[in-house]
Amino acid sequence: MSEERSSASTFCWSEALPFVRLFSAFPRAFSLRPLVLCLLGVTACYLVGRVLDAVWVAADRGVLVTPADPHRTEIEAYVALDASRFREWRERNLAAAESSPSAAPAGDLRGVVEQRHSGALAALERNTQLSREERRRMRAELNRDADILLLAIEGYDLRILAGALEVAQAARRLVEADTSLDPAQRSEQLGRLTAAGTQSRTAGPDRARLRGPFIAWYGYEMRCFAAAIQGIFAGRWGASGSALDPQPAAIGSLASAARGVFWAATQRPWYLVLFGLISLLVFSFVGGATCRYAAVQSVREESLPLRTLATFAREKLAGLIGAPLFVAAIFAGTFVLMLIGGLFGAIPVLGEIFSGLLFFLALLGGLALALALVALVLGFPLMWPTIAVEASDAFDAVQRSASYVFQRFFHVAFYSFVLLVYGAVCVVIVRGLAMLMLKLTHTAVAAGMSLFGLLSSSQAHTLIKLDAMWHMPGWAELPLLPTVGGPPFWGSFYNAPLNFSETLGVWLLAVWVFLVVGLVVAFAVDFALCGSVEMYLLLRRSVDKVDYSEIYYEELEPPVPRETAADQPPSPPPVSANTGTALPIAGQAPPPG
């Protein structure tokens, strides 16, 4: 009786609220196999983007980054300003980047800092009027001042030393503590150290410079994603605030992310085409395999091995790539035809007349562009699930996705909204887990590498070895929700001058840390793919009345065992060709006449 009541309750929930199937995307996306697939795809696209960045920056086609400007990147300025003001902003900051002073050679100044530091410590030891506790406190302050100057002169970020933002104060305390200097020398070296520290910071992290299009674009899109999550958790789900506003909204932040795509299409079109095609190739394979895993897991509750998933994605790769390209080709072809038609309007006299008479064709073309854009943006998440569930081709994926979008538009909007909110919660959970893991790892390893604070870095007196190599923000600086403009949850690397072994250790350490960061990004991609599979099954049930359990699946036939001589039945006795009677077998009596 209890089993019947439980099954009836489950049936009622799934029939009354079918969208609850979307909530199965989290455990499915947290599985090892799809996570590995998405991690490989994210890593491949990241490496491709960095290689293209090197090419574009070498050709002076990088993205202008201005940390000291209210619009910190060229992309933010493009989104926030109109066309004329954006051109003025770019010209002004390009001129500032070209004329910005380069960092002064740090070798001589480093020697000056070390001399003043040694002299100040010697003067401190000669002062017998100080108690042991006062001498220990002042020695720590002098070490800290020396580190501030060394980091500032060589262009490092001083935020790793809490409150160490005043280079002039550190220079004054260090120079005045060295009693071996006369007033003229003290004034001269104080001016040199202060000016060099300020100039290095201006020519260092805060100066305008060119960065690769991929890394700048990725940073902007991640800022929009973080703003959307903040809007969701704050209850600002509308379009009232963009990602650049102090109080961003969810839909407004997504609109800001779309404007970032428009920036790439208008300002870096060839980069977008090249990187987009390579990314489409990579994620068509990864997306096809991941969607196939999610579909079989959802319908049959079976976990396919990676080899089977890779085989399916390879066989269907043409359809996986062709489905979005087909819709994009329709959009581009219609746009080109309208452009050619518009050229006839440039003909004097006749052009204006015929343009007015045939303008209804332009309106029809605009309608076709709008429908193609809607089908591409809203239907793209359904194309790969279509091929994964039905094992069909690109045309079937385009036809089904467009049909479901236009016949069940509000269903698609509602399911997308549920996945957006639920996905934001899931990403925050996974990000928080990764952040906690990295912070605890840093705390434990840092204590061991420094012998509980007794050992410092080879080049900095007040930084322990791991903090100089890899620094994690404090607990108060690690909020649960992604922040806009705050420190990254994985910390920072190369925070002080390092020797050879420390530099090599940073390289190896960064690989593992960024592997954890890549898993967080891979989970977000994996969740989107698994959620799109569930949304496709719901829409197929609503439009085509096809049950959830229907899926193209080839049963693997078990291999037929090979028969051995011992398993074969004994052969019958030979038959005589003349009489048709069986021949006698040796050792047996002949049959009776």
Foldseek 3Di string as FASTA:
>chain_A
DVVVVVVVVVVCCCVVPVLVLLVVLLVLLPDDQLLVLLLVLVVVLVVVLVVQQVVCVVVVNFWKAACVDLQGTLLSLPLPDDDVVSVVVVVVQVVQQVPQDAADDCPVVLVVLVVLLVLLLVLLVPPPVDDPVVSVVVNVLSLVLSQLLQCLLQQFDPVLPPPSPQNLVSLLVSLVSRPVDDPVVSVVSSVVSNVNSVSSNCNHDRGIDGGGPVVVLVLLLVLLLLLLLQQLVVVQADQPAESSDPNHHNVVSVVSNVSSVVCCCPSVVVVCVVSVLVSQLSVLQSLLLLLLQLLCCSQVVDGDDPVVSNVLSVVQVQQSSVQLVVLVVQLVVLVVVLVVLLVLLVPPPVSVVVCVVPVVVVVVSVVSNVLSVCLNPLLNLQQSLVCSFAVDGNVVSSVLSSCLCVVVVVLSVVLVVVLSSSLSVSLLVLVVVLLVVLVVVCVVVQCVQCVNVVADAPFRDRHRLVCQAWNADDPVQQDSRDDNPGADSLGDGNNHDHDDVSVVVSVVVVVVSVSSVSSSVSSSVSSSSSSSNSSNLVSCCVPVVDHSNRGDDDDDDDDDDDDDPVRDDDDDADADPPPRHGDDDPPDDDDDD
